[in-house]
Each structure stands twice: as structure tokens, then as C-alpha cells.
């Protein structure tokens, strides 16, 4: 993680202390940071997603087609593979409904 006192460290601490300001109250990044102590997570354009813990474990994902539907289940699998306890995370963080004509028609998940 960033050096103590650096601007990046200040931003990471703000994200941890106020995860709802990163993505809103129901977004996966907010739910992940609220459920995993010390985690900093941020999604980006075109299917980019990154997360890091203070101990140095980190995840970076890029979904080739840029769609977000695969992002939540992939993040769940990556967190689990790194041995990170996800039991405190709201399951909605890993939901990935697929819509057709405004209705949920399928779910993408692990």
C-alpha cells in the first residue's frame, strides 16, 4: 500500500472510512469495503476492477469485453483464492443479474 502520509495513503484511508462515497450504498465496491476490514476496492470503465489489503495482497481484473456482469463472481473467486475471509460481505456484492427487457432473466455467478 501507499507510504504513510502520502496523498495515496490519505485517499485509501478516506475510501476505507467512507466506502459509501466510493460507489454508493448498494454498489459491490461499497459492500466489499464494508465487509472486509482494511480493503480498498474500486471499479473503473470497460470492466476494470482492483482491490488491495494493507498486507500487500491485491487483485486487478480486466473483463475483456468491458461488460460488468462477470466482475462480481470473479472478484469473489479471487478473494477466496487469496484466502480472504468474505463471510462478512453482504452477498449482494457478488450478485450479477442478467437483464432482458428490464427483467432478470439469468444470474452470472460462482
PDB file of N, CA and C in Angstrom:
ATOM      1  N   UNK A   1       0.842  -1.178   0.000  1.00  0.00           N
ATOM      2  CA  UNK A   1       0.000   0.000   0.000  1.00  0.00           C
ATOM      3  C   UNK A   1       0.891   1.246   0.000  1.00  0.00           C
ATOM      4  N   UNK A   2       0.253   2.361  -0.013  1.00  0.00           N
ATOM      5  CA  UNK A   2       0.957   3.646  -0.108  1.00  0.00           C
ATOM      6  C   UNK A   2       1.708   3.976   1.177  1.00  0.00           C
ATOM      7  N   UNK A   3       2.767   4.763   1.041  1.00  0.00           N
ATOM      8  CA  UNK A   3       3.537   5.213   2.198  1.00  0.00           C
ATOM      9  C   UNK A   3       2.674   6.086   3.104  1.00  0.00           C
ATOM     10  N   UNK A   4       2.825   5.892   4.407  1.00  0.00           N
ATOM     11  CA  UNK A   4       2.086   6.695   5.375  1.00  0.00           C
ATOM     12  C   UNK A   4       2.339   8.174   5.132  1.00  0.00           C
ATOM     13  N   UNK A   5       1.265   8.941   5.124  1.00  0.00           N
ATOM     14  CA  UNK A   5       1.372  10.378   4.922  1.00  0.00           C
ATOM     15  C   UNK A   5       1.325  10.826   3.474  1.00  0.00           C
ATOM     16  N   UNK A   6       1.445   9.885   2.540  1.00  0.00           N
ATOM     17  CA  UNK A   6       1.405  10.254   1.122  1.00  0.00           C
ATOM     18  C   UNK A   6      -0.036  10.552   0.705  1.00  0.00           C
ATOM     19  N   UNK A   7      -0.210  11.274  -0.391  1.00  0.00           N
ATOM     20  CA  UNK A   7      -1.573  11.525  -0.878  1.00  0.00           C
ATOM     21  C   UNK A   7      -2.346  10.230  -1.156  1.00  0.00           C
ATOM     22  N   UNK A   8      -1.678   9.222  -1.704  1.00  0.00           N
ATOM     23  CA  UNK A   8      -2.348   7.948  -1.983  1.00  0.00           C
ATOM     24  C   UNK A   8      -2.820   7.285  -0.691  1.00  0.00           C
ATOM     25  N   UNK A   9      -2.015   7.363   0.357  1.00  0.00           N
ATOM     26  CA  UNK A   9      -2.385   6.806   1.659  1.00  0.00           C
ATOM     27  C   UNK A   9      -3.606   7.534   2.210  1.00  0.00           C
ATOM     28  N   UNK A  10      -3.629   8.847   2.068  1.00  0.00           N
ATOM     29  CA  UNK A  10      -4.762   9.652   2.535  1.00  0.00           C
ATOM     30  C   UNK A  10      -6.044   9.252   1.805  1.00  0.00           C
ATOM     31  N   UNK A  11      -5.950   9.068   0.490  1.00  0.00           N
ATOM     32  CA  UNK A  11      -7.120   8.669  -0.299  1.00  0.00           C
ATOM     33  C   UNK A  11      -7.580   7.268   0.101  1.00  0.00           C
ATOM     34  N   UNK A  12      -6.653   6.328   0.251  1.00  0.00           N
ATOM     35  CA  UNK A  12      -7.018   4.964   0.644  1.00  0.00           C
ATOM     36  C   UNK A  12      -7.715   4.956   1.998  1.00  0.00           C
ATOM     37  N   UNK A  13      -7.210   5.720   2.946  1.00  0.00           N
ATOM     38  CA  UNK A  13      -7.859   5.797   4.260  1.00  0.00           C
ATOM     39  C   UNK A  13      -9.257   6.385   4.155  1.00  0.00           C
ATOM     40  N   UNK A  14      -9.419   7.409   3.332  1.00  0.00           N
ATOM     41  CA  UNK A  14     -10.747   8.007   3.144  1.00  0.00           C
ATOM     42  C   UNK A  14     -11.706   6.990   2.530  1.00  0.00           C
ATOM     43  N   UNK A  15     -11.224   6.196   1.583  1.00  0.00           N
ATOM     44  CA  UNK A  15     -12.068   5.167   0.967  1.00  0.00           C
ATOM     45  C   UNK A  15     -12.492   4.126   1.992  1.00  0.00           C
ATOM     46  N   UNK A  16     -11.560   3.700   2.856  1.00  0.00           N
ATOM     47  CA  UNK A  16     -11.887   2.715   3.893  1.00  0.00           C
ATOM     48  C   UNK A  16     -12.886   3.268   4.902  1.00  0.00           C
ATOM     49  N   UNK A  17     -12.708   4.523   5.284  1.00  0.00           N
ATOM     50  CA  UNK A  17     -13.572   5.131   6.296  1.00  0.00           C
ATOM     51  C   UNK A  17     -14.946   5.506   5.756  1.00  0.00           C
ATOM     52  N   UNK A  18     -15.048   5.748   4.460  1.00  0.00           N
ATOM     53  CA  UNK A  18     -16.315   6.184   3.857  1.00  0.00           C
ATOM     54  C   UNK A  18     -16.583   5.411   2.564  1.00  0.00           C
ATOM     55  N   UNK A  19     -16.727   4.082   2.642  1.00  0.00           N
ATOM     56  CA  UNK A  19     -16.886   3.293   1.416  1.00  0.00           C
ATOM     57  C   UNK A  19     -18.117   3.674   0.594  1.00  0.00           C
ATOM     58  N   UNK A  20     -19.143   4.181   1.245  1.00  0.00           N
ATOM     59  CA  UNK A  20     -20.355   4.572   0.511  1.00  0.00           C
ATOM     60  C   UNK A  20     -20.093   5.734  -0.436  1.00  0.00           C
ATOM     61  N   UNK A  21     -19.035   6.489  -0.199  1.00  0.00           N
ATOM     62  CA  UNK A  21     -18.694   7.607  -1.080  1.00  0.00           C
ATOM     63  C   UNK A  21     -17.945   7.140  -2.339  1.00  0.00           C
ATOM     64  N   UNK A  22     -17.485   5.899  -2.323  1.00  0.00           N
ATOM     65  CA  UNK A  22     -16.760   5.360  -3.476  1.00  0.00           C
ATOM     66  C   UNK A  22     -17.731   4.918  -4.569  1.00  0.00           C
ATOM     67  N   UNK A  23     -18.814   4.252  -4.157  1.00  0.00           N
ATOM     68  CA  UNK A  23     -19.712   3.730  -5.177  1.00  0.00           C
ATOM     69  C   UNK A  23     -21.184   3.808  -4.856  1.00  0.00           C
ATOM     70  N   UNK A  24     -21.544   4.404  -3.754  1.00  0.00           N
ATOM     71  CA  UNK A  24     -22.954   4.434  -3.374  1.00  0.00           C
ATOM     72  C   UNK A  24     -23.284   3.271  -2.451  1.00  0.00           C
ATOM     73  N   UNK A  25     -24.398   3.342  -1.741  1.00  0.00           N
ATOM     74  CA  UNK A  25     -24.687   2.384  -0.672  1.00  0.00           C
ATOM     75  C   UNK A  25     -24.906   0.940  -1.101  1.00  0.00           C
ATOM     76  N   UNK A  26     -25.287   0.684  -2.337  1.00  0.00           N
ATOM     77  CA  UNK A  26     -25.583  -0.693  -2.744  1.00  0.00           C
ATOM     78  C   UNK A  26     -24.608  -1.258  -3.775  1.00  0.00           C
ATOM     79  N   UNK A  27     -23.572  -0.528  -4.135  1.00  0.00           N
ATOM     80  CA  UNK A  27     -22.608  -0.995  -5.137  1.00  0.00           C
ATOM     81  C   UNK A  27     -21.686  -2.051  -4.547  1.00  0.00           C
ATOM     82  N   UNK A  28     -21.198  -2.935  -5.395  1.00  0.00           N
ATOM     83  CA  UNK A  28     -20.330  -4.014  -4.940  1.00  0.00           C
ATOM     84  C   UNK A  28     -19.060  -3.509  -4.266  1.00  0.00           C
ATOM     85  N   UNK A  29     -18.459  -2.438  -4.776  1.00  0.00           N
ATOM     86  CA  UNK A  29     -17.236  -1.928  -4.143  1.00  0.00           C
ATOM     87  C   UNK A  29     -17.509  -1.478  -2.712  1.00  0.00           C
ATOM     88  N   UNK A  30     -18.643  -0.836  -2.496  1.00  0.00           N
ATOM     89  CA  UNK A  30     -19.017  -0.367  -1.161  1.00  0.00           C
ATOM     90  C   UNK A  30     -19.256  -1.548  -0.234  1.00  0.00           C
ATOM     91  N   UNK A  31     -19.995  -2.539  -0.715  1.00  0.00           N
ATOM     92  CA  UNK A  31     -20.302  -3.713   0.106  1.00  0.00           C
ATOM     93  C   UNK A  31     -19.038  -4.499   0.445  1.00  0.00           C
ATOM     94  N   UNK A  32     -18.100  -4.594  -0.500  1.00  0.00           N
ATOM     95  CA  UNK A  32     -16.837  -5.287  -0.226  1.00  0.00           C
ATOM     96  C   UNK A  32     -16.031  -4.564   0.845  1.00  0.00           C
ATOM     97  N   UNK A  33     -15.865  -3.250   0.695  1.00  0.00           N
ATOM     98  CA  UNK A  33     -15.078  -2.495   1.674  1.00  0.00           C
ATOM     99  C   UNK A  33     -15.751  -2.490   3.041  1.00  0.00           C
ATOM    100  N   UNK A  34     -17.073  -2.532   3.064  1.00  0.00           N
ATOM    101  CA  UNK A  34     -17.796  -2.561   4.336  1.00  0.00           C
ATOM    102  C   UNK A  34     -17.675  -3.920   5.010  1.00  0.00           C
ATOM    103  N   UNK A  35     -17.487  -4.979   4.224  1.00  0.00           N
ATOM    104  CA  UNK A  35     -17.464  -6.326   4.771  1.00  0.00           C
ATOM    105  C   UNK A  35     -16.091  -6.927   4.999  1.00  0.00           C
ATOM    106  N   UNK A  36     -15.041  -6.328   4.445  1.00  0.00           N
ATOM    107  CA  UNK A  36     -13.675  -6.853   4.602  1.00  0.00           C
ATOM    108  C   UNK A  36     -12.812  -5.741   5.174  1.00  0.00           C
ATOM    109  N   UNK A  37     -12.429  -5.908   6.422  1.00  0.00           N
ATOM    110  CA  UNK A  37     -11.660  -4.880   7.125  1.00  0.00           C
ATOM    111  C   UNK A  37     -10.363  -4.553   6.382  1.00  0.00           C
ATOM    112  N   UNK A  38     -10.154  -3.271   6.134  1.00  0.00           N
ATOM    113  CA  UNK A  38      -8.921  -2.794   5.517  1.00  0.00           C
ATOM    114  C   UNK A  38      -8.902  -2.805   4.003  1.00  0.00           C
ATOM    115  N   UNK A  39      -9.911  -3.401   3.374  1.00  0.00           N
ATOM    116  CA  UNK A  39      -9.920  -3.497   1.917  1.00  0.00           C
ATOM    117  C   UNK A  39     -10.198  -2.148   1.265  1.00  0.00           C
ATOM    118  N   UNK A  40      -9.491  -1.879   0.190  1.00  0.00           N
ATOM    119  CA  UNK A  40      -9.772  -0.746  -0.686  1.00  0.00           C
ATOM    120  C   UNK A  40     -10.122  -1.364  -2.036  1.00  0.00           C
ATOM    121  N   UNK A  41     -11.267  -0.989  -2.590  1.00  0.00           N
ATOM    122  CA  UNK A  41     -11.697  -1.543  -3.876  1.00  0.00           C
ATOM    123  C   UNK A  41     -12.257  -0.433  -4.748  1.00  0.00           C
ATOM    124  N   UNK A  42     -12.019  -0.547  -6.048  1.00  0.00           N
ATOM    125  CA  UNK A  42     -12.537   0.456  -6.977  1.00  0.00           C
ATOM    126  C   UNK A  42     -12.742  -0.183  -8.339  1.00  0.00           C
ATOM    127  N   UNK A  43     -13.899   0.101  -8.907  1.00  0.00           N
ATOM    128  CA  UNK A  43     -14.165  -0.330 -10.267  1.00  0.00           C
ATOM    129  C   UNK A  43     -13.863   0.822 -11.206  1.00  0.00           C
ATOM    130  N   UNK A  44     -13.758   0.495 -12.472  1.00  0.00           N
ATOM    131  CA  UNK A  44     -13.477   1.526 -13.458  1.00  0.00           C
ATOM    132  C   UNK A  44     -14.184   1.222 -14.763  1.00  0.00           C
ATOM    133  N   UNK A  45     -13.905   2.003 -15.748  1.00  0.00           N
ATOM    134  CA  UNK A  45     -14.535   1.837 -17.053  1.00  0.00           C
ATOM    135  C   UNK A  45     -14.049   0.568 -17.746  1.00  0.00           C
ATOM    136  N   UNK A  46     -14.859   0.082 -18.657  1.00  0.00           N
ATOM    137  CA  UNK A  46     -14.506  -1.041 -19.527  1.00  0.00           C
ATOM    138  C   UNK A  46     -14.124  -2.311 -18.771  1.00  0.00           C
ATOM    139  N   UNK A  47     -14.802  -2.600 -17.656  1.00  0.00           N
ATOM    140  CA  UNK A  47     -14.599  -3.860 -16.956  1.00  0.00           C
ATOM    141  C   UNK A  47     -13.337  -3.952 -16.124  1.00  0.00           C
ATOM    142  N   UNK A  48     -12.815  -2.836 -15.677  1.00  0.00           N
ATOM    143  CA  UNK A  48     -11.625  -2.828 -14.820  1.00  0.00           C
ATOM    144  C   UNK A  48     -12.067  -2.814 -13.361  1.00  0.00           C
ATOM    145  N   UNK A  49     -11.354  -3.568 -12.512  1.00  0.00           N
ATOM    146  CA  UNK A  49     -11.700  -3.667 -11.098  1.00  0.00           C
ATOM    147  C   UNK A  49     -10.417  -3.978 -10.335  1.00  0.00           C
ATOM    148  N   UNK A  50     -10.190  -3.294  -9.229  1.00  0.00           N
ATOM    149  CA  UNK A  50      -8.993  -3.541  -8.426  1.00  0.00           C
ATOM    150  C   UNK A  50      -9.347  -3.498  -6.949  1.00  0.00           C
ATOM    151  N   UNK A  51      -8.614  -4.271  -6.157  1.00  0.00           N
ATOM    152  CA  UNK A  51      -8.803  -4.293  -4.709  1.00  0.00           C
ATOM    153  C   UNK A  51      -7.459  -4.583  -4.062  1.00  0.00           C
ATOM    154  N   UNK A  52      -7.253  -4.041  -2.860  1.00  0.00           N
ATOM    155  CA  UNK A  52      -5.988  -4.254  -2.153  1.00  0.00           C
ATOM    156  C   UNK A  52      -6.215  -4.222  -0.654  1.00  0.00           C
ATOM    157  N   UNK A  53      -5.396  -4.986   0.041  1.00  0.00           N
ATOM    158  CA  UNK A  53      -5.386  -5.000   1.502  1.00  0.00           C
ATOM    159  C   UNK A  53      -4.069  -4.427   2.002  1.00  0.00           C
ATOM    160  N   UNK A  54      -4.061  -3.907   3.223  1.00  0.00           N
ATOM    161  CA  UNK A  54      -2.827  -3.324   3.770  1.00  0.00           C
ATOM    162  C   UNK A  54      -1.654  -4.303   3.844  1.00  0.00           C
ATOM    163  N   UNK A  55      -1.935  -5.626   3.900  1.00  0.00           N
ATOM    164  CA  UNK A  55      -0.846  -6.605   3.996  1.00  0.00           C
ATOM    165  C   UNK A  55      -0.159  -6.861   2.653  1.00  0.00           C
ATOM    166  N   UNK A  56      -0.614  -6.187   1.592  1.00  0.00           N
ATOM    167  CA  UNK A  56       0.025  -6.319   0.286  1.00  0.00           C
ATOM    168  C   UNK A  56      -0.712  -7.199  -0.698  1.00  0.00           C
ATOM    169  N   UNK A  57      -1.672  -7.982  -0.229  1.00  0.00           N
ATOM    170  CA  UNK A  57      -2.454  -8.788  -1.167  1.00  0.00           C
ATOM    171  C   UNK A  57      -3.310  -7.852  -2.019  1.00  0.00           C
ATOM    172  N   UNK A  58      -3.333  -8.124  -3.312  1.00  0.00           N
ATOM    173  CA  UNK A  58      -4.070  -7.247  -4.225  1.00  0.00           C
ATOM    174  C   UNK A  58      -4.618  -8.049  -5.395  1.00  0.00           C
ATOM    175  N   UNK A  59      -5.665  -7.505  -5.985  1.00  0.00           N
ATOM    176  CA  UNK A  59      -6.331  -8.132  -7.124  1.00  0.00           C
ATOM    177  C   UNK A  59      -6.565  -7.046  -8.169  1.00  0.00           C
ATOM    178  N   UNK A  60      -6.302  -7.374  -9.414  1.00  0.00           N
ATOM    179  CA  UNK A  60      -6.651  -6.481 -10.523  1.00  0.00           C
ATOM    180  C   UNK A  60      -7.323  -7.330 -11.593  1.00  0.00           C
ATOM    181  N   UNK A  61      -8.507  -6.912 -12.006  1.00  0.00           N
ATOM    182  CA  UNK A  61      -9.263  -7.633 -13.022  1.00  0.00           C
ATOM    183  C   UNK A  61      -9.527  -6.729 -14.214  1.00  0.00           C
ATOM    184  N   UNK A  62      -9.548  -7.320 -15.385  1.00  0.00           N
ATOM    185  CA  UNK A  62      -9.968  -6.615 -16.603  1.00  0.00           C
ATOM    186  C   UNK A  62     -10.833  -7.590 -17.384  1.00  0.00           C
ATOM    187  N   UNK A  63     -12.092  -7.241 -17.544  1.00  0.00           N
ATOM    188  CA  UNK A  63     -13.009  -8.072 -18.304  1.00  0.00           C
ATOM    189  C   UNK A  63     -12.853  -7.682 -19.779  1.00  0.00           C
ATOM    190  N   UNK A  64     -12.474  -8.635 -20.607  1.00  0.00           N
ATOM    191  CA  UNK A  64     -12.105  -8.343 -21.997  1.00  0.00           C
ATOM    192  C   UNK A  64     -13.184  -7.615 -22.784  1.00  0.00           C
ATOM    193  N   UNK A  65     -14.443  -8.003 -22.603  1.00  0.00           N
ATOM    194  CA  UNK A  65     -15.486  -7.347 -23.398  1.00  0.00           C
ATOM    195  C   UNK A  65     -15.985  -6.053 -22.767  1.00  0.00           C
ATOM    196  N   UNK A  66     -15.446  -5.706 -21.605  1.00  0.00           N
ATOM    197  CA  UNK A  66     -15.800  -4.449 -20.953  1.00  0.00           C
ATOM    198  C   UNK A  66     -17.091  -4.474 -20.169  1.00  0.00           C
ATOM    199  N   UNK A  67     -17.826  -5.575 -20.242  1.00  0.00           N
ATOM    200  CA  UNK A  67     -19.093  -5.671 -19.515  1.00  0.00           C
ATOM    201  C   UNK A  67     -18.828  -5.960 -18.040  1.00  0.00           C
ATOM    202  N   UNK A  68     -19.740  -5.556 -17.202  1.00  0.00           N
ATOM    203  CA  UNK A  68     -19.552  -5.729 -15.759  1.00  0.00           C
ATOM    204  C   UNK A  68     -20.141  -7.017 -15.203  1.00  0.00           C
ATOM    205  N   UNK A  69     -20.884  -7.781 -15.989  1.00  0.00           N
ATOM    206  CA  UNK A  69     -21.604  -8.927 -15.448  1.00  0.00           C
ATOM    207  C   UNK A  69     -20.687  -9.984 -14.828  1.00  0.00           C
ATOM    208  N   UNK A  70     -19.480 -10.147 -15.321  1.00  0.00           N
ATOM    209  CA  UNK A  70     -18.572 -11.161 -14.778  1.00  0.00           C
ATOM    210  C   UNK A  70     -17.773 -10.659 -13.582  1.00  0.00           C
ATOM    211  N   UNK A  71     -17.775  -9.357 -13.369  1.00  0.00           N
ATOM    212  CA  UNK A  71     -16.926  -8.758 -12.338  1.00  0.00           C
ATOM    213  C   UNK A  71     -17.211  -9.280 -10.927  1.00  0.00           C
ATOM    214  N   UNK A  72     -18.447  -9.266 -10.437  1.00  0.00           N
ATOM    215  CA  UNK A  72     -18.683  -9.714  -9.059  1.00  0.00           C
ATOM    216  C   UNK A  72     -18.287 -11.169  -8.796  1.00  0.00           C
ATOM    217  N   UNK A  73     -18.684 -12.141  -9.645  1.00  0.00           N
ATOM    218  CA  UNK A  73     -18.261 -13.511  -9.348  1.00  0.00           C
ATOM    219  C   UNK A  73     -16.757 -13.718  -9.481  1.00  0.00           C
ATOM    220  N   UNK A  74     -16.108 -12.999 -10.395  1.00  0.00           N
ATOM    221  CA  UNK A  74     -14.651 -13.115 -10.499  1.00  0.00           C
ATOM    222  C   UNK A  74     -13.960 -12.558  -9.262  1.00  0.00           C
ATOM    223  N   UNK A  75     -14.454 -11.437  -8.744  1.00  0.00           N
ATOM    224  CA  UNK A  75     -13.865 -10.871  -7.534  1.00  0.00           C
ATOM    225  C   UNK A  75     -14.046 -11.835  -6.366  1.00  0.00           C
ATOM    226  N   UNK A  76     -15.215 -12.456  -6.269  1.00  0.00           N
ATOM    227  CA  UNK A  76     -15.452 -13.438  -5.202  1.00  0.00           C
ATOM    228  C   UNK A  76     -14.430 -14.573  -5.303  1.00  0.00           C
ATOM    229  N   UNK A  77     -14.238 -15.103  -6.495  1.00  0.00           N
ATOM    230  CA  UNK A  77     -13.288 -16.195  -6.692  1.00  0.00           C
ATOM    231  C   UNK A  77     -11.861 -15.761  -6.366  1.00  0.00           C
ATOM    232  N   UNK A  78     -11.478 -14.564  -6.764  1.00  0.00           N
ATOM    233  CA  UNK A  78     -10.122 -14.071  -6.497  1.00  0.00           C
ATOM    234  C   UNK A  78      -9.889 -13.863  -5.005  1.00  0.00           C
ATOM    235  N   UNK A  79     -10.859 -13.264  -4.321  1.00  0.00           N
ATOM    236  CA  UNK A  79     -10.734 -13.059  -2.870  1.00  0.00           C
ATOM    237  C   UNK A  79     -10.596 -14.397  -2.156  1.00  0.00           C
ATOM    238  N   UNK A  80     -11.413 -15.362  -2.552  1.00  0.00           N
ATOM    239  CA  UNK A  80     -11.368 -16.692  -1.944  1.00  0.00           C
ATOM    240  C   UNK A  80     -10.027 -17.365  -2.222  1.00  0.00           C
ATOM    241  N   UNK A  81      -9.530 -17.253  -3.451  1.00  0.00           N
ATOM    242  CA  UNK A  81      -8.241 -17.859  -3.810  1.00  0.00           C
ATOM    243  C   UNK A  81      -7.090 -17.283  -2.993  1.00  0.00           C
ATOM    244  N   UNK A  82      -7.201 -16.017  -2.598  1.00  0.00           N
ATOM    245  CA  UNK A  82      -6.162 -15.383  -1.777  1.00  0.00           C
ATOM    246  C   UNK A  82      -6.347 -15.659  -0.287  1.00  0.00           C
ATOM    247  N   UNK A  83      -7.374 -16.432   0.057  1.00  0.00           N
ATOM    248  CA  UNK A  83      -7.612 -16.770   1.458  1.00  0.00           C
ATOM    249  C   UNK A  83      -8.232 -15.644   2.259  1.00  0.00           C
ATOM    250  N   UNK A  84      -8.886 -14.716   1.594  1.00  0.00           N
ATOM    251  CA  UNK A  84      -9.516 -13.586   2.279  1.00  0.00           C
ATOM    252  C   UNK A  84     -10.908 -13.998   2.726  1.00  0.00           C
ATOM    253  N   UNK A  85     -11.203 -13.783   3.992  1.00  0.00           N
ATOM    254  CA  UNK A  85     -12.497 -14.145   4.569  1.00  0.00           C
ATOM    255  C   UNK A  85     -13.579 -13.219   4.019  1.00  0.00           C
ATOM    256  N   UNK A  86     -14.530 -13.791   3.300  1.00  0.00           N
ATOM    257  CA  UNK A  86     -15.616 -12.995   2.730  1.00  0.00           C
ATOM    258  C   UNK A  86     -16.932 -13.215   3.473  1.00  0.00           C
ATOM    259  N   UNK A  87     -16.875 -13.893   4.619  1.00  0.00           N
ATOM    260  CA  UNK A  87     -18.111 -14.206   5.346  1.00  0.00           C
ATOM    261  C   UNK A  87     -18.846 -12.963   5.836  1.00  0.00           C
ATOM    262  N   UNK A  88     -18.145 -11.850   6.022  1.00  0.00           N
ATOM    263  CA  UNK A  88     -18.784 -10.622   6.484  1.00  0.00           C
ATOM    264  C   UNK A  88     -19.316  -9.738   5.372  1.00  0.00           C
ATOM    265  N   UNK A  89     -19.172 -10.194   4.131  1.00  0.00           N
ATOM    266  CA  UNK A  89     -19.607  -9.389   2.986  1.00  0.00           C
ATOM    267  C   UNK A  89     -21.069  -9.681   2.666  1.00  0.00           C
ATOM    268  N   UNK A  90     -21.835  -8.632   2.453  1.00  0.00           N
ATOM    269  CA  UNK A  90     -23.217  -8.769   2.012  1.00  0.00           C
ATOM    270  C   UNK A  90     -23.210  -9.548   0.693  1.00  0.00           C
ATOM    271  N   UNK A  91     -23.972 -10.657   0.606  1.00  0.00           N
ATOM    272  CA  UNK A  91     -23.978 -11.465  -0.622  1.00  0.00           C
ATOM    273  C   UNK A  91     -24.337 -10.680  -1.885  1.00  0.00           C
ATOM    274  N   UNK A  92     -25.017  -9.570  -1.725  1.00  0.00           N
ATOM    275  CA  UNK A  92     -25.386  -8.744  -2.873  1.00  0.00           C
ATOM    276  C   UNK A  92     -24.145  -8.232  -3.613  1.00  0.00           C
ATOM    277  N   UNK A  93     -23.007  -8.170  -2.912  1.00  0.00           N
ATOM    278  CA  UNK A  93     -21.759  -7.720  -3.550  1.00  0.00           C
ATOM    279  C   UNK A  93     -21.325  -8.666  -4.662  1.00  0.00           C
ATOM    280  N   UNK A  94     -21.755  -9.917  -4.587  1.00  0.00           N
ATOM    281  CA  UNK A  94     -21.337 -10.918  -5.561  1.00  0.00           C
ATOM    282  C   UNK A  94     -22.445 -11.281  -6.546  1.00  0.00           C
ATOM    283  N   UNK A  95     -23.580 -10.604  -6.447  1.00  0.00           N
ATOM    284  CA  UNK A  95     -24.696 -10.869  -7.361  1.00  0.00           C
ATOM    285  C   UNK A  95     -24.404 -10.242  -8.720  1.00  0.00           C
ATOM    286  N   UNK A  96     -24.837 -10.923  -9.746  1.00  0.00           N
ATOM    287  CA  UNK A  96     -24.633 -10.397 -11.093  1.00  0.00           C
ATOM    288  C   UNK A  96     -25.812 -10.796 -11.977  1.00  0.00           C
ATOM    289  N   UNK A  97     -26.953 -10.150 -11.762  1.00  0.00           N
ATOM    290  CA  UNK A  97     -28.124 -10.500 -12.574  1.00  0.00           C
ATOM    291  C   UNK A  97     -27.945 -10.085 -14.032  1.00  0.00           C
ATOM    292  N   UNK A  98     -28.546 -10.852 -14.902  1.00  0.00           N
ATOM    293  CA  UNK A  98     -28.537 -10.543 -16.329  1.00  0.00           C
ATOM    294  C   UNK A  98     -29.965 -10.168 -16.711  1.00  0.00           C
ATOM    295  N   UNK A  99     -30.104  -9.003 -17.303  1.00  0.00           N
ATOM    296  CA  UNK A  99     -31.422  -8.466 -17.619  1.00  0.00           C
ATOM    297  C   UNK A  99     -31.771  -8.630 -19.092  1.00  0.00           C
ATOM    298  N   UNK A 100     -33.048  -8.821 -19.326  1.00  0.00           N
ATOM    299  CA  UNK A 100     -33.610  -8.822 -20.674  1.00  0.00           C
ATOM    300  C   UNK A 100     -34.941  -8.104 -20.613  1.00  0.00           C
ATOM    301  N   UNK A 101     -35.084  -7.050 -21.353  1.00  0.00           N
ATOM    302  CA  UNK A 101     -36.318  -6.252 -21.355  1.00  0.00           C
ATOM    303  C   UNK A 101     -36.680  -5.769 -19.951  1.00  0.00           C
ATOM    304  N   UNK A 102     -35.657  -5.411 -19.162  1.00  0.00           N
ATOM    305  CA  UNK A 102     -35.888  -4.862 -17.831  1.00  0.00           C
ATOM    306  C   UNK A 102     -36.164  -5.885 -16.749  1.00  0.00           C
ATOM    307  N   UNK A 103     -36.146  -7.158 -17.094  1.00  0.00           N
ATOM    308  CA  UNK A 103     -36.403  -8.227 -16.131  1.00  0.00           C
ATOM    309  C   UNK A 103     -35.143  -9.085 -15.968  1.00  0.00           C
ATOM    310  N   UNK A 104     -34.939  -9.625 -14.757  1.00  0.00           N
ATOM    311  CA  UNK A 104     -33.826 -10.550 -14.546  1.00  0.00           C
ATOM    312  C   UNK A 104     -34.157 -11.849 -15.274  1.00  0.00           C
ATOM    313  N   UNK A 105     -33.285 -12.252 -16.194  1.00  0.00           N
ATOM    314  CA  UNK A 105     -33.509 -13.471 -16.966  1.00  0.00           C
ATOM    315  C   UNK A 105     -32.499 -14.570 -16.634  1.00  0.00           C
ATOM    316  N   UNK A 106     -31.419 -14.213 -15.962  1.00  0.00           N
ATOM    317  CA  UNK A 106     -30.399 -15.192 -15.581  1.00  0.00           C
ATOM    318  C   UNK A 106     -29.484 -14.559 -14.545  1.00  0.00           C
ATOM    319  N   UNK A 107     -28.617 -15.397 -13.952  1.00  0.00           N
ATOM    320  CA  UNK A 107     -27.631 -14.906 -12.995  1.00  0.00           C
ATOM    321  C   UNK A 107     -26.271 -15.447 -13.391  1.00  0.00           C
ATOM    322  N   UNK A 108     -25.283 -14.599 -13.304  1.00  0.00           N
ATOM    323  CA  UNK A 108     -23.902 -14.985 -13.557  1.00  0.00           C
ATOM    324  C   UNK A 108     -23.244 -15.098 -12.191  1.00  0.00           C
ATOM    325  N   UNK A 109     -22.684 -16.251 -11.839  1.00  0.00           N
ATOM    326  CA  UNK A 109     -22.078 -16.384 -10.517  1.00  0.00           C
ATOM    327  C   UNK A 109     -21.246 -17.632 -10.386  1.00  0.00           C
ATOM    328  N   UNK A 110     -20.565 -17.712  -9.220  1.00  0.00           N
ATOM    329  CA  UNK A 110     -19.750 -18.887  -8.945  1.00  0.00           C
ATOM    330  C   UNK A 110     -20.481 -19.764  -7.958  1.00  0.00           C
TER     331      UNK A 110
END
